[in-house]
Amino acid sequence: MKPPRYIPVPHLTKSQKECARLLLAGKSVPRVAEIIEVAPSTIDRWRKTHKLYQEYASKLEQEREAGVIAAGALEAQEDAAVGALEAGVMGELRRMAVEAVQGLRDMMQSDNERVRLQAYAMVLDKAGYVAPARRQSPAPRGPRKGVDRLRELDGATVSREGLESPQQANAGTLTPSDS
């Protein structure tokens, strides 16, 4: 004979109570499963086979119908349950962040240079460090002969005879190099 997959507990867990409240408040099974972090099949099993759960859910339903539990009170309980779960998740994430930082420290001590450089880059990136732009040499302050020459040549045309300025092209004269 196989042992049961789970051992029935003689009382309801906090998750089971929250589940019953959330379902009574109109949440879907998948959403409740996400909130209390169990599989939807677990909720289905509780609803079908867990006597204490069934009794608790039935009691909540009767109280709601009798007006003992107002809709607002149920929503407040739901919000408190979700808030408690979110706080638990945030606490777990903080603990994981500490482990991640320790892992990065270990990577920064690696014998492999590539691993060390990747760890350094990751830390700097997450810290928001932006490398300063490379400093460019300032523009020369003297006469701008090249710019002036380009302005002179602006609009000039090239012919077989040589370079013609716009004035020469209009006058029909050639440059001195053609003579």
N, C-alpha and C. Protein backbone atom coordinates (compact mmCIF):
# COMPACT_ATOMS: atom_id res chain seq x y z
N MET A 1 0.84 -1.18 0.00
CA MET A 1 0.00 0.00 0.00
C MET A 1 0.89 1.24 0.00
N LYS A 2 0.60 2.16 -0.92
CA LYS A 2 1.37 3.39 -1.03
C LYS A 2 0.98 4.36 0.08
N PRO A 3 1.98 5.07 0.62
CA PRO A 3 1.64 6.11 1.61
C PRO A 3 0.95 7.26 0.88
N PRO A 4 0.08 8.00 1.57
CA PRO A 4 -0.59 9.13 0.93
C PRO A 4 0.43 10.18 0.48
N ARG A 5 0.08 10.90 -0.59
CA ARG A 5 0.99 11.93 -1.11
C ARG A 5 1.16 13.08 -0.12
N TYR A 6 0.21 13.29 0.69
CA TYR A 6 0.32 14.34 1.70
C TYR A 6 -0.33 13.82 2.98
N ILE A 7 0.09 14.37 4.06
CA ILE A 7 -0.47 13.97 5.35
C ILE A 7 -1.47 15.03 5.77
N PRO A 8 -2.73 14.65 5.98
CA PRO A 8 -3.73 15.64 6.38
C PRO A 8 -3.35 16.29 7.72
N VAL A 9 -3.50 17.59 7.78
CA VAL A 9 -3.20 18.34 9.00
C VAL A 9 -4.52 18.54 9.73
N PRO A 10 -4.54 18.37 11.06
CA PRO A 10 -5.80 18.49 11.80
C PRO A 10 -6.33 19.92 11.91
N HIS A 11 -5.67 20.85 11.29
CA HIS A 11 -6.15 22.24 11.29
C HIS A 11 -5.88 22.84 9.92
N LEU A 12 -6.48 23.97 9.65
CA LEU A 12 -6.24 24.64 8.37
C LEU A 12 -5.00 25.51 8.45
N THR A 13 -4.29 25.54 7.37
CA THR A 13 -3.12 26.41 7.31
C THR A 13 -3.57 27.82 6.97
N LYS A 14 -2.65 28.75 7.14
CA LYS A 14 -2.94 30.14 6.81
C LYS A 14 -3.28 30.27 5.31
N SER A 15 -2.57 29.54 4.48
CA SER A 15 -2.83 29.57 3.03
C SER A 15 -4.22 29.05 2.70
N GLN A 16 -4.65 28.01 3.38
CA GLN A 16 -5.98 27.46 3.12
C GLN A 16 -7.07 28.45 3.51
N LYS A 17 -6.89 29.12 4.64
CA LYS A 17 -7.87 30.11 5.07
C LYS A 17 -7.91 31.29 4.10
N GLU A 18 -6.72 31.75 3.69
CA GLU A 18 -6.66 32.85 2.72
C GLU A 18 -7.31 32.43 1.40
N CYS A 19 -7.08 31.21 1.01
CA CYS A 19 -7.67 30.69 -0.23
C CYS A 19 -9.19 30.76 -0.17
N ALA A 20 -9.76 30.29 0.91
CA ALA A 20 -11.22 30.30 1.04
C ALA A 20 -11.76 31.73 1.00
N ARG A 21 -11.09 32.65 1.67
CA ARG A 21 -11.53 34.05 1.68
C ARG A 21 -11.45 34.67 0.29
N LEU A 22 -10.34 34.41 -0.39
CA LEU A 22 -10.14 35.01 -1.71
C LEU A 22 -11.14 34.45 -2.73
N LEU A 23 -11.39 33.16 -2.66
CA LEU A 23 -12.39 32.57 -3.56
C LEU A 23 -13.78 33.13 -3.27
N LEU A 24 -14.10 33.29 -2.00
CA LEU A 24 -15.39 33.85 -1.62
C LEU A 24 -15.52 35.31 -2.10
N ALA A 25 -14.39 36.00 -2.17
CA ALA A 25 -14.39 37.39 -2.63
C ALA A 25 -14.51 37.48 -4.15
N GLY A 26 -14.49 36.34 -4.82
CA GLY A 26 -14.71 36.34 -6.27
C GLY A 26 -13.47 36.17 -7.12
N LYS A 27 -12.35 35.93 -6.51
CA LYS A 27 -11.12 35.71 -7.28
C LYS A 27 -11.17 34.35 -7.95
N SER A 28 -10.50 34.24 -9.09
CA SER A 28 -10.45 32.97 -9.80
C SER A 28 -9.44 32.03 -9.15
N VAL A 29 -9.59 30.74 -9.41
CA VAL A 29 -8.66 29.75 -8.84
C VAL A 29 -7.23 30.03 -9.29
N PRO A 30 -6.98 30.30 -10.58
CA PRO A 30 -5.59 30.58 -10.97
C PRO A 30 -5.00 31.81 -10.26
N ARG A 31 -5.82 32.85 -10.09
CA ARG A 31 -5.33 34.06 -9.42
C ARG A 31 -5.05 33.78 -7.95
N VAL A 32 -5.93 33.06 -7.29
CA VAL A 32 -5.72 32.72 -5.88
C VAL A 32 -4.47 31.85 -5.74
N ALA A 33 -4.31 30.90 -6.66
CA ALA A 33 -3.13 30.02 -6.61
C ALA A 33 -1.85 30.85 -6.73
N GLU A 34 -1.89 31.86 -7.59
CA GLU A 34 -0.73 32.74 -7.74
C GLU A 34 -0.47 33.52 -6.46
N ILE A 35 -1.53 34.04 -5.86
CA ILE A 35 -1.38 34.86 -4.66
C ILE A 35 -0.82 34.06 -3.50
N ILE A 36 -1.38 32.86 -3.27
CA ILE A 36 -0.94 32.08 -2.10
C ILE A 36 0.19 31.11 -2.43
N GLU A 37 0.64 31.17 -3.69
CA GLU A 37 1.80 30.40 -4.13
C GLU A 37 1.61 28.89 -4.00
N VAL A 38 0.51 28.39 -4.53
CA VAL A 38 0.29 26.95 -4.64
C VAL A 38 -0.21 26.67 -6.05
N ALA A 39 -0.21 25.42 -6.43
CA ALA A 39 -0.71 25.04 -7.74
C ALA A 39 -2.24 25.07 -7.74
N PRO A 40 -2.86 25.43 -8.85
CA PRO A 40 -4.32 25.40 -8.92
C PRO A 40 -4.90 24.02 -8.58
N SER A 41 -4.17 22.97 -8.92
CA SER A 41 -4.65 21.62 -8.59
C SER A 41 -4.72 21.40 -7.08
N THR A 42 -3.85 22.08 -6.33
CA THR A 42 -3.89 21.97 -4.86
C THR A 42 -5.19 22.58 -4.34
N ILE A 43 -5.57 23.72 -4.88
CA ILE A 43 -6.83 24.37 -4.46
C ILE A 43 -8.00 23.46 -4.81
N ASP A 44 -7.96 22.89 -6.01
CA ASP A 44 -9.04 21.97 -6.41
C ASP A 44 -9.13 20.79 -5.45
N ARG A 45 -7.98 20.27 -5.05
CA ARG A 45 -7.98 19.14 -4.11
C ARG A 45 -8.57 19.55 -2.77
N TRP A 46 -8.19 20.74 -2.27
CA TRP A 46 -8.75 21.22 -1.01
C TRP A 46 -10.27 21.32 -1.11
N ARG A 47 -10.74 21.88 -2.20
CA ARG A 47 -12.18 22.09 -2.37
C ARG A 47 -12.95 20.78 -2.46
N LYS A 48 -12.33 19.75 -3.03
CA LYS A 48 -13.03 18.48 -3.25
C LYS A 48 -12.86 17.47 -2.11
N THR A 49 -11.70 17.45 -1.47
CA THR A 49 -11.43 16.35 -0.53
C THR A 49 -11.10 16.77 0.90
N HIS A 50 -10.74 18.00 1.13
CA HIS A 50 -10.30 18.41 2.47
C HIS A 50 -11.52 18.84 3.30
N LYS A 51 -11.91 18.01 4.23
CA LYS A 51 -13.13 18.25 5.02
C LYS A 51 -13.06 19.56 5.80
N LEU A 52 -11.94 19.81 6.49
CA LEU A 52 -11.84 21.05 7.27
C LEU A 52 -11.93 22.28 6.37
N TYR A 53 -11.31 22.21 5.21
CA TYR A 53 -11.38 23.33 4.27
C TYR A 53 -12.82 23.54 3.82
N GLN A 54 -13.48 22.46 3.48
CA GLN A 54 -14.86 22.55 3.01
C GLN A 54 -15.75 23.16 4.09
N GLU A 55 -15.55 22.75 5.34
CA GLU A 55 -16.34 23.29 6.43
C GLU A 55 -16.07 24.78 6.62
N TYR A 56 -14.79 25.15 6.55
CA TYR A 56 -14.42 26.56 6.73
C TYR A 56 -15.01 27.41 5.61
N ALA A 57 -14.89 26.96 4.36
CA ALA A 57 -15.44 27.70 3.22
C ALA A 57 -16.96 27.82 3.34
N SER A 58 -17.60 26.74 3.78
CA SER A 58 -19.06 26.75 3.96
C SER A 58 -19.46 27.75 5.05
N LYS A 59 -18.69 27.76 6.14
CA LYS A 59 -18.96 28.69 7.25
C LYS A 59 -18.82 30.14 6.77
N LEU A 60 -17.77 30.43 6.00
CA LEU A 60 -17.58 31.78 5.48
C LEU A 60 -18.75 32.18 4.58
N GLU A 61 -19.19 31.25 3.76
CA GLU A 61 -20.31 31.52 2.85
C GLU A 61 -21.58 31.83 3.65
N GLN A 62 -21.82 31.05 4.69
CA GLN A 62 -23.02 31.28 5.53
C GLN A 62 -22.93 32.63 6.23
N GLU A 63 -21.74 32.97 6.74
CA GLU A 63 -21.58 34.25 7.42
C GLU A 63 -21.80 35.41 6.45
N ARG A 64 -21.31 35.24 5.25
CA ARG A 64 -21.51 36.30 4.26
C ARG A 64 -22.98 36.47 3.94
N GLU A 65 -23.67 35.35 3.77
CA GLU A 65 -25.09 35.41 3.47
C GLU A 65 -25.87 36.00 4.63
N ALA A 66 -25.43 35.74 5.85
CA ALA A 66 -26.12 36.27 7.03
C ALA A 66 -25.75 37.73 7.29
N GLY A 67 -24.80 38.25 6.51
CA GLY A 67 -24.41 39.64 6.67
C GLY A 67 -23.36 39.86 7.74
N VAL A 68 -22.84 38.77 8.31
CA VAL A 68 -21.82 38.92 9.35
C VAL A 68 -20.54 39.47 8.74
N ILE A 69 -20.22 39.00 7.55
CA ILE A 69 -19.03 39.48 6.87
C ILE A 69 -19.49 40.40 5.75
N ALA A 70 -19.23 41.64 5.90
CA ALA A 70 -19.58 42.60 4.85
C ALA A 70 -18.57 42.50 3.72
N ALA A 71 -19.00 42.89 2.55
CA ALA A 71 -18.12 42.81 1.39
C ALA A 71 -16.84 43.60 1.63
N GLY A 72 -16.95 44.75 2.26
CA GLY A 72 -15.76 45.56 2.53
C GLY A 72 -14.80 44.87 3.46
N ALA A 73 -15.34 44.15 4.45
CA ALA A 73 -14.48 43.43 5.38
C ALA A 73 -13.73 42.32 4.64
N LEU A 74 -14.41 41.67 3.72
CA LEU A 74 -13.74 40.62 2.94
C LEU A 74 -12.63 41.22 2.09
N GLU A 75 -12.90 42.36 1.48
CA GLU A 75 -11.87 43.01 0.68
C GLU A 75 -10.69 43.44 1.55
N ALA A 76 -10.97 43.91 2.74
CA ALA A 76 -9.89 44.30 3.65
C ALA A 76 -9.07 43.07 4.04
N GLN A 77 -9.75 41.95 4.29
CA GLN A 77 -9.02 40.72 4.61
C GLN A 77 -8.18 40.28 3.42
N GLU A 78 -8.75 40.40 2.23
CA GLU A 78 -8.02 40.04 1.01
C GLU A 78 -6.79 40.91 0.86
N ASP A 79 -6.97 42.22 1.02
CA ASP A 79 -5.84 43.14 0.90
C ASP A 79 -4.76 42.83 1.93
N ALA A 80 -5.18 42.52 3.16
CA ALA A 80 -4.21 42.19 4.20
C ALA A 80 -3.46 40.90 3.85
N ALA A 81 -4.19 39.92 3.31
CA ALA A 81 -3.56 38.66 2.93
C ALA A 81 -2.55 38.87 1.81
N VAL A 82 -2.96 39.63 0.81
CA VAL A 82 -2.06 39.89 -0.32
C VAL A 82 -0.86 40.70 0.17
N GLY A 83 -1.09 41.69 1.02
CA GLY A 83 0.00 42.50 1.56
C GLY A 83 1.00 41.65 2.34
N ALA A 84 0.48 40.72 3.14
CA ALA A 84 1.37 39.85 3.91
C ALA A 84 2.20 38.97 2.99
N LEU A 85 1.56 38.46 1.94
CA LEU A 85 2.30 37.62 1.00
C LEU A 85 3.35 38.43 0.25
N GLU A 86 2.98 39.64 -0.16
CA GLU A 86 3.94 40.49 -0.86
C GLU A 86 5.11 40.84 0.04
N ALA A 87 4.84 41.10 1.31
CA ALA A 87 5.91 41.40 2.25
C ALA A 87 6.84 40.20 2.39
N GLY A 88 6.26 39.01 2.42
CA GLY A 88 7.08 37.80 2.49
C GLY A 88 7.93 37.62 1.26
N VAL A 89 7.36 37.91 0.10
CA VAL A 89 8.10 37.80 -1.16
C VAL A 89 9.23 38.82 -1.17
N MET A 90 8.95 40.05 -0.75
CA MET A 90 9.98 41.08 -0.73
C MET A 90 11.12 40.70 0.22
N GLY A 91 10.78 40.13 1.36
CA GLY A 91 11.80 39.67 2.29
C GLY A 91 12.69 38.60 1.67
N GLU A 92 12.05 37.69 0.96
CA GLU A 92 12.81 36.63 0.29
C GLU A 92 13.71 37.22 -0.80
N LEU A 93 13.19 38.20 -1.55
CA LEU A 93 14.01 38.84 -2.58
C LEU A 93 15.21 39.56 -1.96
N ARG A 94 15.01 40.19 -0.81
CA ARG A 94 16.13 40.86 -0.14
C ARG A 94 17.20 39.85 0.26
N ARG A 95 16.76 38.70 0.78
CA ARG A 95 17.73 37.66 1.16
C ARG A 95 18.48 37.15 -0.08
N MET A 96 17.76 37.00 -1.17
CA MET A 96 18.39 36.54 -2.40
C MET A 96 19.37 37.58 -2.93
N ALA A 97 19.04 38.87 -2.77
CA ALA A 97 19.93 39.93 -3.23
C ALA A 97 21.25 39.88 -2.46
N VAL A 98 21.18 39.60 -1.17
CA VAL A 98 22.41 39.48 -0.37
C VAL A 98 23.26 38.34 -0.91
N GLU A 99 22.63 37.22 -1.24
CA GLU A 99 23.36 36.09 -1.81
C GLU A 99 23.95 36.46 -3.16
N ALA A 100 23.21 37.21 -3.97
CA ALA A 100 23.70 37.61 -5.29
C ALA A 100 24.92 38.52 -5.17
N VAL A 101 24.89 39.43 -4.22
CA VAL A 101 26.03 40.32 -4.01
C VAL A 101 27.25 39.50 -3.57
N GLN A 102 27.04 38.54 -2.70
CA GLN A 102 28.15 37.68 -2.27
C GLN A 102 28.69 36.89 -3.46
N GLY A 103 27.80 36.43 -4.34
CA GLY A 103 28.24 35.72 -5.54
C GLY A 103 29.08 36.61 -6.44
N LEU A 104 28.68 37.88 -6.58
CA LEU A 104 29.47 38.81 -7.37
C LEU A 104 30.83 39.06 -6.74
N ARG A 105 30.86 39.15 -5.42
CA ARG A 105 32.15 39.31 -4.73
C ARG A 105 33.06 38.13 -5.03
N ASP A 106 32.49 36.93 -4.98
CA ASP A 106 33.27 35.73 -5.27
C ASP A 106 33.78 35.76 -6.72
N MET A 107 32.92 36.20 -7.65
CA MET A 107 33.32 36.28 -9.05
C MET A 107 34.46 37.29 -9.25
N MET A 108 34.42 38.35 -8.46
CA MET A 108 35.46 39.37 -8.58
C MET A 108 36.81 38.86 -8.09
N GLN A 109 36.82 37.78 -7.34
CA GLN A 109 38.06 37.17 -6.85
C GLN A 109 38.49 35.98 -7.69
N SER A 110 37.79 35.73 -8.79
CA SER A 110 38.05 34.57 -9.64
C SER A 110 39.45 34.63 -10.25
N ASP A 111 40.01 33.47 -10.53
CA ASP A 111 41.28 33.39 -11.23
C ASP A 111 41.11 33.68 -12.71
N ASN A 112 39.90 33.55 -13.22
CA ASN A 112 39.61 33.78 -14.62
C ASN A 112 39.38 35.27 -14.84
N GLU A 113 40.23 35.88 -15.65
CA GLU A 113 40.15 37.32 -15.87
C GLU A 113 38.82 37.73 -16.51
N ARG A 114 38.32 36.93 -17.43
CA ARG A 114 37.06 37.24 -18.10
C ARG A 114 35.91 37.28 -17.09
N VAL A 115 35.88 36.33 -16.17
CA VAL A 115 34.84 36.28 -15.14
C VAL A 115 34.94 37.53 -14.26
N ARG A 116 36.18 37.88 -13.87
CA ARG A 116 36.36 39.07 -13.03
C ARG A 116 35.85 40.32 -13.74
N LEU A 117 36.23 40.48 -15.03
CA LEU A 117 35.82 41.67 -15.77
C LEU A 117 34.30 41.74 -15.92
N GLN A 118 33.67 40.61 -16.17
CA GLN A 118 32.22 40.60 -16.27
C GLN A 118 31.57 41.00 -14.95
N ALA A 119 32.12 40.52 -13.86
CA ALA A 119 31.58 40.87 -12.54
C ALA A 119 31.75 42.36 -12.28
N TYR A 120 32.93 42.90 -12.60
CA TYR A 120 33.15 44.33 -12.41
C TYR A 120 32.16 45.14 -13.24
N ALA A 121 32.00 44.75 -14.51
CA ALA A 121 31.10 45.48 -15.40
C ALA A 121 29.67 45.42 -14.88
N MET A 122 29.25 44.28 -14.37
CA MET A 122 27.89 44.13 -13.85
C MET A 122 27.68 45.03 -12.64
N VAL A 123 28.64 45.06 -11.75
CA VAL A 123 28.51 45.90 -10.55
C VAL A 123 28.45 47.37 -10.94
N LEU A 124 29.33 47.78 -11.83
CA LEU A 124 29.34 49.19 -12.25
C LEU A 124 28.04 49.55 -12.97
N ASP A 125 27.55 48.65 -13.80
CA ASP A 125 26.31 48.91 -14.52
C ASP A 125 25.14 49.06 -13.55
N LYS A 126 25.02 48.14 -12.61
CA LYS A 126 23.90 48.18 -11.66
C LYS A 126 24.01 49.37 -10.71
N ALA A 127 25.24 49.84 -10.49
CA ALA A 127 25.43 51.00 -9.62
C ALA A 127 25.15 52.30 -10.37
N GLY A 128 24.92 52.20 -11.69
CA GLY A 128 24.59 53.38 -12.47
C GLY A 128 25.81 54.17 -12.91
N TYR A 129 26.99 53.57 -12.84
CA TYR A 129 28.20 54.26 -13.24
C TYR A 129 28.25 54.39 -14.75
N VAL A 130 28.52 55.59 -15.23
CA VAL A 130 28.67 55.84 -16.65
C VAL A 130 30.07 56.39 -16.85
N ALA A 131 30.83 55.77 -17.71
CA ALA A 131 32.19 56.21 -17.95
C ALA A 131 32.16 57.61 -18.55
N PRO A 132 33.10 58.47 -18.13
CA PRO A 132 33.12 59.81 -18.70
C PRO A 132 33.47 59.75 -20.18
N ALA A 133 32.94 60.70 -20.94
CA ALA A 133 33.24 60.74 -22.37
C ALA A 133 34.72 61.07 -22.55
N ARG A 134 35.28 60.54 -23.62
CA ARG A 134 36.68 60.84 -23.88
C ARG A 134 36.83 62.32 -24.19
N ARG A 135 37.86 62.87 -23.66
CA ARG A 135 38.10 64.29 -23.87
C ARG A 135 38.70 64.51 -25.24
N GLN A 136 38.10 65.38 -25.99
CA GLN A 136 38.61 65.68 -27.32
C GLN A 136 39.47 66.93 -27.25
N SER A 137 40.48 66.96 -28.12
CA SER A 137 41.34 68.14 -28.12
C SER A 137 40.54 69.34 -28.61
N PRO A 138 40.80 70.50 -28.03
CA PRO A 138 40.04 71.67 -28.45
C PRO A 138 40.40 72.07 -29.88
N ALA A 139 39.46 72.73 -30.52
CA ALA A 139 39.69 73.18 -31.89
C ALA A 139 40.77 74.25 -31.90
N PRO A 140 41.56 74.31 -32.97
CA PRO A 140 42.61 75.36 -33.03
C PRO A 140 41.97 76.74 -33.01
N ARG A 141 42.67 77.67 -32.37
CA ARG A 141 42.11 79.01 -32.20
C ARG A 141 42.68 80.01 -33.21
N GLY A 142 43.62 79.61 -34.00
CA GLY A 142 44.24 80.53 -34.95
C GLY A 142 43.36 80.74 -36.17
N PRO A 143 43.92 81.35 -37.21
CA PRO A 143 43.14 81.58 -38.43
C PRO A 143 42.67 80.25 -39.00
N ARG A 144 41.51 80.25 -39.55
CA ARG A 144 40.91 79.01 -40.04
C ARG A 144 41.07 78.97 -41.55
N LYS A 145 42.28 78.74 -41.96
CA LYS A 145 42.59 78.78 -43.39
C LYS A 145 41.83 77.71 -44.16
N GLY A 146 41.75 76.52 -43.60
CA GLY A 146 41.07 75.45 -44.31
C GLY A 146 39.59 75.76 -44.51
N VAL A 147 38.96 76.29 -43.47
CA VAL A 147 37.54 76.61 -43.56
C VAL A 147 37.33 77.76 -44.55
N ASP A 148 38.21 78.76 -44.48
CA ASP A 148 38.10 79.89 -45.40
C ASP A 148 38.29 79.42 -46.85
N ARG A 149 39.23 78.55 -47.07
CA ARG A 149 39.48 78.04 -48.43
C ARG A 149 38.27 77.25 -48.92
N LEU A 150 37.64 76.46 -48.05
CA LEU A 150 36.44 75.71 -48.44
C LEU A 150 35.32 76.66 -48.82
N ARG A 151 35.20 77.75 -48.10
CA ARG A 151 34.17 78.73 -48.44
C ARG A 151 34.44 79.36 -49.81
N GLU A 152 35.70 79.60 -50.10
CA GLU A 152 36.06 80.16 -51.40
C GLU A 152 35.69 79.19 -52.52
N LEU A 153 35.91 77.92 -52.25
CA LEU A 153 35.67 76.91 -53.27
C LEU A 153 34.20 76.51 -53.37
N ASP A 154 33.41 76.93 -52.40
CA ASP A 154 32.01 76.56 -52.40
C ASP A 154 31.35 77.07 -53.67
N GLY A 155 30.78 76.22 -54.43
CA GLY A 155 30.12 76.62 -55.66
C GLY A 155 31.03 76.60 -56.86
N ALA A 156 32.33 76.32 -56.67
CA ALA A 156 33.25 76.28 -57.81
C ALA A 156 32.99 75.02 -58.61
N THR A 157 33.34 75.07 -59.86
CA THR A 157 33.17 73.90 -60.73
C THR A 157 34.52 73.48 -61.27
N VAL A 158 34.60 72.23 -61.67
CA VAL A 158 35.84 71.71 -62.24
C VAL A 158 35.58 71.45 -63.72
N SER A 159 36.44 71.97 -64.53
CA SER A 159 36.34 71.71 -65.96
C SER A 159 37.67 71.15 -66.44
N ARG A 160 37.79 70.85 -67.74
CA ARG A 160 39.04 70.33 -68.27
C ARG A 160 40.16 71.33 -68.11
N GLU A 161 39.78 72.55 -68.09
CA GLU A 161 40.80 73.59 -68.02
C GLU A 161 41.28 73.84 -66.59
N GLY A 162 40.52 73.41 -65.61
CA GLY A 162 40.92 73.63 -64.22
C GLY A 162 39.74 74.03 -63.37
N LEU A 163 40.06 74.57 -62.23
CA LEU A 163 39.05 74.97 -61.27
C LEU A 163 38.56 76.36 -61.58
N GLU A 164 37.25 76.50 -61.62
CA GLU A 164 36.67 77.81 -61.90
C GLU A 164 35.84 78.24 -60.69
N SER A 165 36.04 79.44 -60.25
CA SER A 165 35.19 79.97 -59.19
C SER A 165 33.85 80.33 -59.79
N PRO A 166 32.81 80.51 -58.98
CA PRO A 166 31.51 80.88 -59.55
C PRO A 166 31.59 82.16 -60.37
N GLN A 167 32.42 83.14 -59.96
CA GLN A 167 32.53 84.39 -60.70
C GLN A 167 33.18 84.16 -62.06
N GLN A 168 34.21 83.29 -62.08
CA GLN A 168 34.90 83.01 -63.34
C GLN A 168 33.99 82.26 -64.30
N ALA A 169 33.21 81.32 -63.76
CA ALA A 169 32.33 80.54 -64.62
C ALA A 169 31.32 81.46 -65.29
N ASN A 170 30.84 82.44 -64.54
CA ASN A 170 29.86 83.37 -65.11
C ASN A 170 30.51 84.31 -66.12
N ALA A 171 31.77 84.68 -65.87
CA ALA A 171 32.47 85.61 -66.75
C ALA A 171 33.08 84.91 -67.94
N GLY A 172 33.18 83.58 -67.86
CA GLY A 172 33.76 82.83 -68.98
C GLY A 172 35.27 82.86 -68.98
N THR A 173 35.91 83.26 -67.89
CA THR A 173 37.36 83.31 -67.84
C THR A 173 37.89 82.05 -67.18
N LEU A 174 39.12 81.73 -67.43
CA LEU A 174 39.75 80.54 -66.87
C LEU A 174 40.68 80.94 -65.73
N THR A 175 41.08 79.94 -64.97
CA THR A 175 41.99 80.18 -63.85
C THR A 175 43.39 80.38 -64.39
N PRO A 176 44.30 80.97 -63.62
CA PRO A 176 45.66 81.22 -64.07
C PRO A 176 46.39 79.94 -64.45
N SER A 177 46.04 78.79 -63.91
CA SER A 177 46.75 77.55 -64.23
C SER A 177 46.51 77.14 -65.68
N ASP A 178 45.49 77.67 -66.33
CA ASP A 178 45.18 77.29 -67.70
C ASP A 178 45.98 78.10 -68.71
N SER A 179 46.59 79.18 -68.34
CA SER A 179 47.26 80.07 -69.27
C SER A 179 48.58 79.50 -69.71
